[in-house]
């Protein structure tokens, strides 16, 4: 009897809540499954789908990728900081010059240096180099003087349209001193003669410069050769017998203001 009563009550309850039964358990089960799957996927990796989606989708995989890049960047920067910098050209030249880098000494130190010291030997080289520069400047000045004389002579001769002084003197000699026009004619010829003599004097001066230039230039070039020899000897003494590269020598001379 008791059993029948219970069964009847259950049947009555089923009739009352029957339409809602399919909805409520379905919603509850879906929520629970989603939550459970999420926990497993995120926490322990039990659900294959959850774990695969998490890695592929992003957050974690993306974070790892970023971390790897950051680590690589740090290692790269660190390596760059610890690697020795490439030797500069100036450093290479300084290495070749060795003791000649004492050319950095101030001018007063060079002037007062003991000739037997390294600075003193550098000072002797500087003086020899200056003497060579002065000798070369003398050659250049002679060449320029000769070139200018040639140009000036050409311009002078092109501008002068008068007669020679000899022709004018010949006319003066032919003047009749008894003539009423003698004084006027003599004055005109004297003015013409003065212009001719001025022209001829400058012409002679310029031509003399041109004619004497080759011998003077040759003599000056011999002085340059002599000075260059002394300069070379002074350089070998200062460098300890070492032959410098063209770049090193140019840098050395720059240090000395040559």
C-alpha atoms as a PDB file:
ATOM      1  CA  UNK A   1       0.000   0.000   0.000  1.00  0.00           C
ATOM      2  CA  UNK A   2       2.816   2.304   0.914  1.00  0.00           C
ATOM      3  CA  UNK A   3       4.619   1.431  -2.294  1.00  0.00           C
ATOM      4  CA  UNK A   4       1.575   2.168  -4.418  1.00  0.00           C
ATOM      5  CA  UNK A   5       1.165   5.520  -2.728  1.00  0.00           C
ATOM      6  CA  UNK A   6       4.774   6.475  -3.486  1.00  0.00           C
ATOM      7  CA  UNK A   7       4.500   5.427  -7.128  1.00  0.00           C
ATOM      8  CA  UNK A   8       1.296   7.382  -7.521  1.00  0.00           C
ATOM      9  CA  UNK A   9       2.951  10.473  -6.042  1.00  0.00           C
ATOM     10  CA  UNK A  10       5.895  10.109  -8.424  1.00  0.00           C
ATOM     11  CA  UNK A  11       3.593   9.775 -11.408  1.00  0.00           C
ATOM     12  CA  UNK A  12       1.665  12.853 -10.342  1.00  0.00           C
ATOM     13  CA  UNK A  13       4.909  14.838  -9.956  1.00  0.00           C
ATOM     14  CA  UNK A  14       6.073  13.696 -13.368  1.00  0.00           C
ATOM     15  CA  UNK A  15       2.853  14.946 -14.936  1.00  0.00           C
ATOM     16  CA  UNK A  16       3.256  18.303 -13.223  1.00  0.00           C
ATOM     17  CA  UNK A  17       6.965  19.016 -14.077  1.00  0.00           C
ATOM     18  CA  UNK A  18       7.221  16.894 -17.199  1.00  0.00           C
ATOM     19  CA  UNK A  19       7.305  19.770 -19.794  1.00  0.00           C
ATOM     20  CA  UNK A  20      10.204  21.441 -17.991  1.00  0.00           C
ATOM     21  CA  UNK A  21      12.323  18.353 -17.422  1.00  0.00           C
ATOM     22  CA  UNK A  22      14.040  18.249 -20.857  1.00  0.00           C
ATOM     23  CA  UNK A  23      15.152  21.926 -20.565  1.00  0.00           C
ATOM     24  CA  UNK A  24      16.481  22.185 -17.026  1.00  0.00           C
ATOM     25  CA  UNK A  25      18.753  19.106 -17.034  1.00  0.00           C
ATOM     26  CA  UNK A  26      20.079  20.013 -20.555  1.00  0.00           C
ATOM     27  CA  UNK A  27      21.033  23.576 -19.550  1.00  0.00           C
ATOM     28  CA  UNK A  28      22.627  22.444 -16.327  1.00  0.00           C
ATOM     29  CA  UNK A  29      24.592  19.658 -17.997  1.00  0.00           C
ATOM     30  CA  UNK A  30      25.881  21.981 -20.747  1.00  0.00           C
ATOM     31  CA  UNK A  31      27.123  24.541 -18.233  1.00  0.00           C
ATOM     32  CA  UNK A  32      28.741  21.955 -16.105  1.00  0.00           C
ATOM     33  CA  UNK A  33      30.431  20.302 -19.120  1.00  0.00           C
ATOM     34  CA  UNK A  34      31.751  23.567 -20.415  1.00  0.00           C
ATOM     35  CA  UNK A  35      33.092  24.548 -17.034  1.00  0.00           C
ATOM     36  CA  UNK A  36      34.553  21.162 -16.402  1.00  0.00           C
ATOM     37  CA  UNK A  37      36.197  21.004 -19.815  1.00  0.00           C
ATOM     38  CA  UNK A  38      37.645  24.440 -19.351  1.00  0.00           C
ATOM     39  CA  UNK A  39      39.135  23.580 -16.015  1.00  0.00           C
ATOM     40  CA  UNK A  40      40.678  20.395 -17.333  1.00  0.00           C
ATOM     41  CA  UNK A  41      42.047  22.017 -20.412  1.00  0.00           C
ATOM     42  CA  UNK A  42      43.525  24.941 -18.536  1.00  0.00           C
ATOM     43  CA  UNK A  43      44.755  23.129 -15.497  1.00  0.00           C
ATOM     44  CA  UNK A  44      45.908  19.623 -16.160  1.00  0.00           C
ATOM     45  CA  UNK A  45      45.645  18.991 -19.843  1.00  0.00           C
ATOM     46  CA  UNK A  46      43.159  16.112 -19.595  1.00  0.00           C
ATOM     47  CA  UNK A  47      40.894  17.313 -22.432  1.00  0.00           C
ATOM     48  CA  UNK A  48      42.648  17.074 -25.768  1.00  0.00           C
ATOM     49  CA  UNK A  49      40.361  19.635 -27.401  1.00  0.00           C
ATOM     50  CA  UNK A  50      40.760  22.171 -24.655  1.00  0.00           C
ATOM     51  CA  UNK A  51      44.517  21.866 -24.571  1.00  0.00           C
ATOM     52  CA  UNK A  52      44.949  22.021 -28.343  1.00  0.00           C
ATOM     53  CA  UNK A  53      42.690  25.053 -28.611  1.00  0.00           C
ATOM     54  CA  UNK A  54      44.547  26.834 -25.823  1.00  0.00           C
ATOM     55  CA  UNK A  55      47.935  26.336 -27.498  1.00  0.00           C
ATOM     56  CA  UNK A  56      46.717  27.108 -30.982  1.00  0.00           C
ATOM     57  CA  UNK A  57      44.568  30.071 -30.004  1.00  0.00           C
ATOM     58  CA  UNK A  58      46.824  32.043 -28.462  1.00  0.00           C
ATOM     59  CA  UNK A  59      47.347  33.218 -25.162  1.00  0.00           C
ATOM     60  CA  UNK A  60      49.869  30.712 -23.983  1.00  0.00           C
ATOM     61  CA  UNK A  61      51.510  29.978 -27.286  1.00  0.00           C
ATOM     62  CA  UNK A  62      51.723  33.674 -28.073  1.00  0.00           C
ATOM     63  CA  UNK A  63      53.231  34.362 -24.660  1.00  0.00           C
ATOM     64  CA  UNK A  64      55.877  31.697 -25.208  1.00  0.00           C
ATOM     65  CA  UNK A  65      56.690  33.102 -28.607  1.00  0.00           C
ATOM     66  CA  UNK A  66      57.091  36.581 -27.145  1.00  0.00           C
ATOM     67  CA  UNK A  67      59.242  35.270 -24.348  1.00  0.00           C
ATOM     68  CA  UNK A  68      61.520  33.445 -26.767  1.00  0.00           C
ATOM     69  CA  UNK A  69      61.953  36.560 -28.889  1.00  0.00           C
ATOM     70  CA  UNK A  70      62.672  38.660 -25.850  1.00  0.00           C
ATOM     71  CA  UNK A  71      65.241  36.210 -24.629  1.00  0.00           C
ATOM     72  CA  UNK A  72      66.911  36.115 -28.033  1.00  0.00           C
ATOM     73  CA  UNK A  73      67.012  39.903 -28.087  1.00  0.00           C
ATOM     74  CA  UNK A  74      68.629  40.020 -24.683  1.00  0.00           C
ATOM     75  CA  UNK A  75      71.262  37.499 -25.700  1.00  0.00           C
ATOM     76  CA  UNK A  76      71.961  39.422 -28.908  1.00  0.00           C
ATOM     77  CA  UNK A  77      72.399  42.753 -27.117  1.00  0.00           C
ATOM     78  CA  UNK A  78      74.571  41.160 -24.497  1.00  0.00           C
ATOM     79  CA  UNK A  79      76.824  39.615 -27.155  1.00  0.00           C
ATOM     80  CA  UNK A  80      77.106  42.920 -28.990  1.00  0.00           C
ATOM     81  CA  UNK A  81      78.071  44.722 -25.798  1.00  0.00           C
ATOM     82  CA  UNK A  82      80.771  42.266 -24.846  1.00  0.00           C
ATOM     83  CA  UNK A  83      82.274  41.876 -28.349  1.00  0.00           C
ATOM     84  CA  UNK A  84      85.353  44.086 -28.904  1.00  0.00           C
ATOM     85  CA  UNK A  85      84.640  47.056 -31.184  1.00  0.00           C
ATOM     86  CA  UNK A  86      86.355  47.041 -34.595  1.00  0.00           C
ATOM     87  CA  UNK A  87      89.678  48.868 -34.613  1.00  0.00           C
ATOM     88  CA  UNK A  88      89.337  52.303 -36.141  1.00  0.00           C
ATOM     89  CA  UNK A  89      91.621  53.549 -38.844  1.00  0.00           C
ATOM     90  CA  UNK A  90      93.104  56.019 -36.421  1.00  0.00           C
ATOM     91  CA  UNK A  91      93.874  53.246 -33.988  1.00  0.00           C
ATOM     92  CA  UNK A  92      95.543  51.215 -36.719  1.00  0.00           C
ATOM     93  CA  UNK A  93      97.731  54.133 -37.722  1.00  0.00           C
ATOM     94  CA  UNK A  94      98.631  54.843 -34.109  1.00  0.00           C
ATOM     95  CA  UNK A  95      99.671  51.214 -33.737  1.00  0.00           C
ATOM     96  CA  UNK A  96     101.950  51.544 -36.750  1.00  0.00           C
ATOM     97  CA  UNK A  97     103.428  54.860 -35.645  1.00  0.00           C
ATOM     98  CA  UNK A  98     104.287  53.574 -32.156  1.00  0.00           C
ATOM     99  CA  UNK A  99     106.707  56.081 -30.568  1.00  0.00           C
ATOM    100  CA  UNK A 100     106.031  58.638 -33.280  1.00  0.00           C
ATOM    101  CA  UNK A 101     102.696  59.283 -31.591  1.00  0.00           C
ATOM    102  CA  UNK A 102     104.729  61.537 -29.311  1.00  0.00           C
ATOM    103  CA  UNK A 103     104.128  64.081 -32.059  1.00  0.00           C
ATOM    104  CA  UNK A 104     101.074  64.941 -29.936  1.00  0.00           C
ATOM    105  CA  UNK A 105     103.468  66.933 -27.736  1.00  0.00           C
ATOM    106  CA  UNK A 106     102.795  70.665 -27.643  1.00  0.00           C
ATOM    107  CA  UNK A 107     105.006  72.983 -29.731  1.00  0.00           C
ATOM    108  CA  UNK A 108     106.977  74.244 -26.734  1.00  0.00           C
ATOM    109  CA  UNK A 109     107.837  70.687 -25.746  1.00  0.00           C
ATOM    110  CA  UNK A 110     109.078  70.031 -29.271  1.00  0.00           C
ATOM    111  CA  UNK A 111     111.191  73.173 -29.223  1.00  0.00           C
ATOM    112  CA  UNK A 112     112.802  72.399 -25.874  1.00  0.00           C
ATOM    113  CA  UNK A 113     113.182  68.655 -26.289  1.00  0.00           C
ATOM    114  CA  UNK A 114     116.562  66.997 -26.008  1.00  0.00           C
ATOM    115  CA  UNK A 115     117.656  66.056 -29.554  1.00  0.00           C
ATOM    116  CA  UNK A 116     118.478  62.566 -28.293  1.00  0.00           C
ATOM    117  CA  UNK A 117     114.981  61.947 -26.928  1.00  0.00           C
ATOM    118  CA  UNK A 118     112.061  60.618 -28.947  1.00  0.00           C
ATOM    119  CA  UNK A 119     110.331  63.993 -28.835  1.00  0.00           C
ATOM    120  CA  UNK A 120     113.601  65.629 -29.840  1.00  0.00           C
ATOM    121  CA  UNK A 121     114.017  63.330 -32.837  1.00  0.00           C
ATOM    122  CA  UNK A 122     110.453  64.116 -33.876  1.00  0.00           C
ATOM    123  CA  UNK A 123     111.230  67.840 -33.559  1.00  0.00           C
ATOM    124  CA  UNK A 124     114.253  67.421 -35.837  1.00  0.00           C
ATOM    125  CA  UNK A 125     112.076  65.676 -38.395  1.00  0.00           C
ATOM    126  CA  UNK A 126     109.510  68.461 -38.205  1.00  0.00           C
ATOM    127  CA  UNK A 127     112.194  71.088 -38.816  1.00  0.00           C
ATOM    128  CA  UNK A 128     113.567  69.102 -41.765  1.00  0.00           C
ATOM    129  CA  UNK A 129     110.074  68.716 -43.198  1.00  0.00           C
ATOM    130  CA  UNK A 130     109.457  72.457 -42.867  1.00  0.00           C
ATOM    131  CA  UNK A 131     112.715  73.121 -44.718  1.00  0.00           C
ATOM    132  CA  UNK A 132     111.535  70.834 -47.534  1.00  0.00           C
ATOM    133  CA  UNK A 133     108.202  72.610 -47.683  1.00  0.00           C
ATOM    134  CA  UNK A 134     109.974  75.968 -47.872  1.00  0.00           C
ATOM    135  CA  UNK A 135     112.250  74.744 -50.681  1.00  0.00           C
ATOM    136  CA  UNK A 136     109.285  73.432 -52.677  1.00  0.00           C
ATOM    137  CA  UNK A 137     107.497  76.734 -52.164  1.00  0.00           C
ATOM    138  CA  UNK A 138     110.538  78.518 -53.640  1.00  0.00           C
ATOM    139  CA  UNK A 139     110.349  76.353 -56.772  1.00  0.00           C
ATOM    140  CA  UNK A 140     106.640  77.012 -57.115  1.00  0.00           C
ATOM    141  CA  UNK A 141     107.180  80.751 -56.680  1.00  0.00           C
ATOM    142  CA  UNK A 142     109.780  80.796 -59.454  1.00  0.00           C
ATOM    143  CA  UNK A 143     107.477  78.857 -61.776  1.00  0.00           C
ATOM    144  CA  UNK A 144     104.599  81.205 -61.056  1.00  0.00           C
ATOM    145  CA  UNK A 145     106.824  84.234 -61.547  1.00  0.00           C
ATOM    146  CA  UNK A 146     107.970  82.963 -64.955  1.00  0.00           C
ATOM    147  CA  UNK A 147     104.397  82.172 -66.013  1.00  0.00           C
ATOM    148  CA  UNK A 148     103.191  85.588 -64.934  1.00  0.00           C
ATOM    149  CA  UNK A 149     106.084  87.292 -66.747  1.00  0.00           C
ATOM    150  CA  UNK A 150     105.163  85.473 -69.944  1.00  0.00           C
ATOM    151  CA  UNK A 151     101.529  86.543 -69.640  1.00  0.00           C
ATOM    152  CA  UNK A 152     102.462  90.142 -68.806  1.00  0.00           C
ATOM    153  CA  UNK A 153     104.907  90.311 -71.699  1.00  0.00           C
ATOM    154  CA  UNK A 154     102.307  89.086 -74.130  1.00  0.00           C
ATOM    155  CA  UNK A 155      99.806  91.649 -72.868  1.00  0.00           C
ATOM    156  CA  UNK A 156     102.404  94.443 -72.949  1.00  0.00           C
ATOM    157  CA  UNK A 157     103.443  93.748 -76.518  1.00  0.00           C
ATOM    158  CA  UNK A 158      99.824  93.459 -77.646  1.00  0.00           C
ATOM    159  CA  UNK A 159      98.944  96.828 -76.117  1.00  0.00           C
ATOM    160  CA  UNK A 160     101.943  98.794 -77.438  1.00  0.00           C
ATOM    161  CA  UNK A 161     101.456 100.148 -80.925  1.00  0.00           C
ATOM    162  CA  UNK A 162     104.314 102.692 -81.015  1.00  0.00           C
ATOM    163  CA  UNK A 163     107.657 102.647 -82.718  1.00  0.00           C
ATOM    164  CA  UNK A 164     110.945 101.499 -81.334  1.00  0.00           C
ATOM    165  CA  UNK A 165     113.171 103.959 -79.530  1.00  0.00           C
ATOM    166  CA  UNK A 166     115.837 103.535 -82.207  1.00  0.00           C
ATOM    167  CA  UNK A 167     113.461 104.680 -84.922  1.00  0.00           C
ATOM    168  CA  UNK A 168     112.389 107.677 -82.857  1.00  0.00           C
ATOM    169  CA  UNK A 169     115.978 108.668 -82.065  1.00  0.00           C
ATOM    170  CA  UNK A 170     116.744 108.486 -85.750  1.00  0.00           C
ATOM    171  CA  UNK A 171     113.945 110.964 -86.460  1.00  0.00           C
ATOM    172  CA  UNK A 172     115.137 113.265 -83.702  1.00  0.00           C
ATOM    173  CA  UNK A 173     118.587 113.282 -85.215  1.00  0.00           C
ATOM    174  CA  UNK A 174     117.137 114.421 -88.519  1.00  0.00           C
ATOM    175  CA  UNK A 175     115.341 117.465 -87.089  1.00  0.00           C
ATOM    176  CA  UNK A 176     116.368 120.863 -88.366  1.00  0.00           C
ATOM    177  CA  UNK A 177     117.214 122.975 -85.385  1.00  0.00           C
ATOM    178  CA  UNK A 178     116.816 126.150 -87.479  1.00  0.00           C
ATOM    179  CA  UNK A 179     113.238 125.311 -88.368  1.00  0.00           C
ATOM    180  CA  UNK A 180     110.433 127.260 -86.761  1.00  0.00           C
ATOM    181  CA  UNK A 181     108.672 123.971 -85.949  1.00  0.00           C
ATOM    182  CA  UNK A 182     111.733 122.388 -84.402  1.00  0.00           C
ATOM    183  CA  UNK A 183     110.646 122.824 -80.799  1.00  0.00           C
ATOM    184  CA  UNK A 184     107.182 121.389 -81.380  1.00  0.00           C
ATOM    185  CA  UNK A 185     108.475 118.465 -83.407  1.00  0.00           C
ATOM    186  CA  UNK A 186     111.201 117.761 -80.855  1.00  0.00           C
ATOM    187  CA  UNK A 187     108.690 117.795 -77.987  1.00  0.00           C
ATOM    188  CA  UNK A 188     106.397 115.327 -79.770  1.00  0.00           C
ATOM    189  CA  UNK A 189     109.256 112.980 -80.571  1.00  0.00           C
ATOM    190  CA  UNK A 190     110.578 113.204 -77.005  1.00  0.00           C
ATOM    191  CA  UNK A 191     107.147 112.158 -75.631  1.00  0.00           C
ATOM    192  CA  UNK A 192     106.999 109.315 -78.123  1.00  0.00           C
ATOM    193  CA  UNK A 193     110.538 108.302 -77.163  1.00  0.00           C
ATOM    194  CA  UNK A 194     109.689 108.256 -73.466  1.00  0.00           C
ATOM    195  CA  UNK A 195     106.768 105.916 -74.069  1.00  0.00           C
ATOM    196  CA  UNK A 196     108.909 103.683 -76.261  1.00  0.00           C
ATOM    197  CA  UNK A 197     111.740 103.524 -73.734  1.00  0.00           C
ATOM    198  CA  UNK A 198     109.287 102.727 -70.926  1.00  0.00           C
ATOM    199  CA  UNK A 199     107.825  99.924 -72.999  1.00  0.00           C
ATOM    200  CA  UNK A 200     111.221  98.555 -73.938  1.00  0.00           C
ATOM    201  CA  UNK A 201     112.479  98.663 -70.350  1.00  0.00           C
ATOM    202  CA  UNK A 202     109.512  96.663 -69.088  1.00  0.00           C
ATOM    203  CA  UNK A 203     109.770  94.331 -72.056  1.00  0.00           C
ATOM    204  CA  UNK A 204     113.425  93.694 -71.217  1.00  0.00           C
ATOM    205  CA  UNK A 205     112.673  93.116 -67.548  1.00  0.00           C
ATOM    206  CA  UNK A 206     109.953  90.575 -68.269  1.00  0.00           C
ATOM    207  CA  UNK A 207     112.008  88.806 -70.913  1.00  0.00           C
ATOM    208  CA  UNK A 208     114.928  88.572 -68.467  1.00  0.00           C
ATOM    209  CA  UNK A 209     112.673  86.910 -65.879  1.00  0.00           C
ATOM    210  CA  UNK A 210     111.519  84.402 -68.484  1.00  0.00           C
ATOM    211  CA  UNK A 211     115.025  83.708 -69.750  1.00  0.00           C
ATOM    212  CA  UNK A 212     116.527  83.233 -66.303  1.00  0.00           C
ATOM    213  CA  UNK A 213     113.667  81.140 -64.917  1.00  0.00           C
ATOM    214  CA  UNK A 214     114.810  77.688 -66.138  1.00  0.00           C
ATOM    215  CA  UNK A 215     118.247  77.944 -64.506  1.00  0.00           C
ATOM    216  CA  UNK A 216     116.808  79.327 -61.277  1.00  0.00           C
ATOM    217  CA  UNK A 217     114.121  76.624 -61.135  1.00  0.00           C
ATOM    218  CA  UNK A 218     116.670  73.900 -61.755  1.00  0.00           C
ATOM    219  CA  UNK A 219     118.849  75.236 -58.951  1.00  0.00           C
ATOM    220  CA  UNK A 220     115.858  75.455 -56.612  1.00  0.00           C
ATOM    221  CA  UNK A 221     114.874  71.872 -57.445  1.00  0.00           C
ATOM    222  CA  UNK A 222     118.332  70.695 -56.427  1.00  0.00           C
ATOM    223  CA  UNK A 223     117.770  72.360 -53.074  1.00  0.00           C
ATOM    224  CA  UNK A 224     114.472  70.487 -52.767  1.00  0.00           C
ATOM    225  CA  UNK A 225     116.226  67.177 -53.405  1.00  0.00           C
ATOM    226  CA  UNK A 226     118.779  67.989 -50.737  1.00  0.00           C
ATOM    227  CA  UNK A 227     116.112  68.941 -48.205  1.00  0.00           C
ATOM    228  CA  UNK A 228     114.074  65.844 -49.001  1.00  0.00           C
ATOM    229  CA  UNK A 229     117.115  63.690 -48.334  1.00  0.00           C
ATOM    230  CA  UNK A 230     117.666  65.323 -44.957  1.00  0.00           C
ATOM    231  CA  UNK A 231     113.975  64.952 -44.168  1.00  0.00           C
ATOM    232  CA  UNK A 232     114.064  61.252 -45.050  1.00  0.00           C
ATOM    233  CA  UNK A 233     117.089  60.690 -42.826  1.00  0.00           C
ATOM    234  CA  UNK A 234     115.378  62.508 -39.961  1.00  0.00           C
ATOM    235  CA  UNK A 235     112.259  60.367 -40.396  1.00  0.00           C
ATOM    236  CA  UNK A 236     114.216  57.125 -40.310  1.00  0.00           C
ATOM    237  CA  UNK A 237     115.969  58.295 -37.146  1.00  0.00           C
ATOM    238  CA  UNK A 238     112.679  59.222 -35.487  1.00  0.00           C
ATOM    239  CA  UNK A 239     110.961  55.966 -36.506  1.00  0.00           C
ATOM    240  CA  UNK A 240     113.848  53.791 -35.440  1.00  0.00           C
ATOM    241  CA  UNK A 241     114.588  52.711 -38.995  1.00  0.00           C
ATOM    242  CA  UNK A 242     111.025  51.680 -39.821  1.00  0.00           C
ATOM    243  CA  UNK A 243     109.472  52.558 -43.166  1.00  0.00           C
ATOM    244  CA  UNK A 244     105.969  53.925 -42.693  1.00  0.00           C
ATOM    245  CA  UNK A 245     103.009  53.407 -44.973  1.00  0.00           C
ATOM    246  CA  UNK A 246     101.782  56.435 -46.893  1.00  0.00           C
ATOM    247  CA  UNK A 247      98.692  56.625 -44.661  1.00  0.00           C
ATOM    248  CA  UNK A 248     100.718  56.488 -41.449  1.00  0.00           C
ATOM    249  CA  UNK A 249     103.179  59.111 -42.682  1.00  0.00           C
ATOM    250  CA  UNK A 250     100.328  61.424 -43.684  1.00  0.00           C
ATOM    251  CA  UNK A 251      98.753  61.005 -40.232  1.00  0.00           C
ATOM    252  CA  UNK A 252     102.115  61.646 -38.549  1.00  0.00           C
ATOM    253  CA  UNK A 253     102.595  64.823 -40.529  1.00  0.00           C
ATOM    254  CA  UNK A 254      99.063  65.903 -39.692  1.00  0.00           C
ATOM    255  CA  UNK A 255      99.852  65.539 -36.003  1.00  0.00           C
ATOM    256  CA  UNK A 256     102.822  67.865 -36.536  1.00  0.00           C
ATOM    257  CA  UNK A 257     100.735  70.387 -38.449  1.00  0.00           C
ATOM    258  CA  UNK A 258     102.669  69.820 -41.680  1.00  0.00           C
END
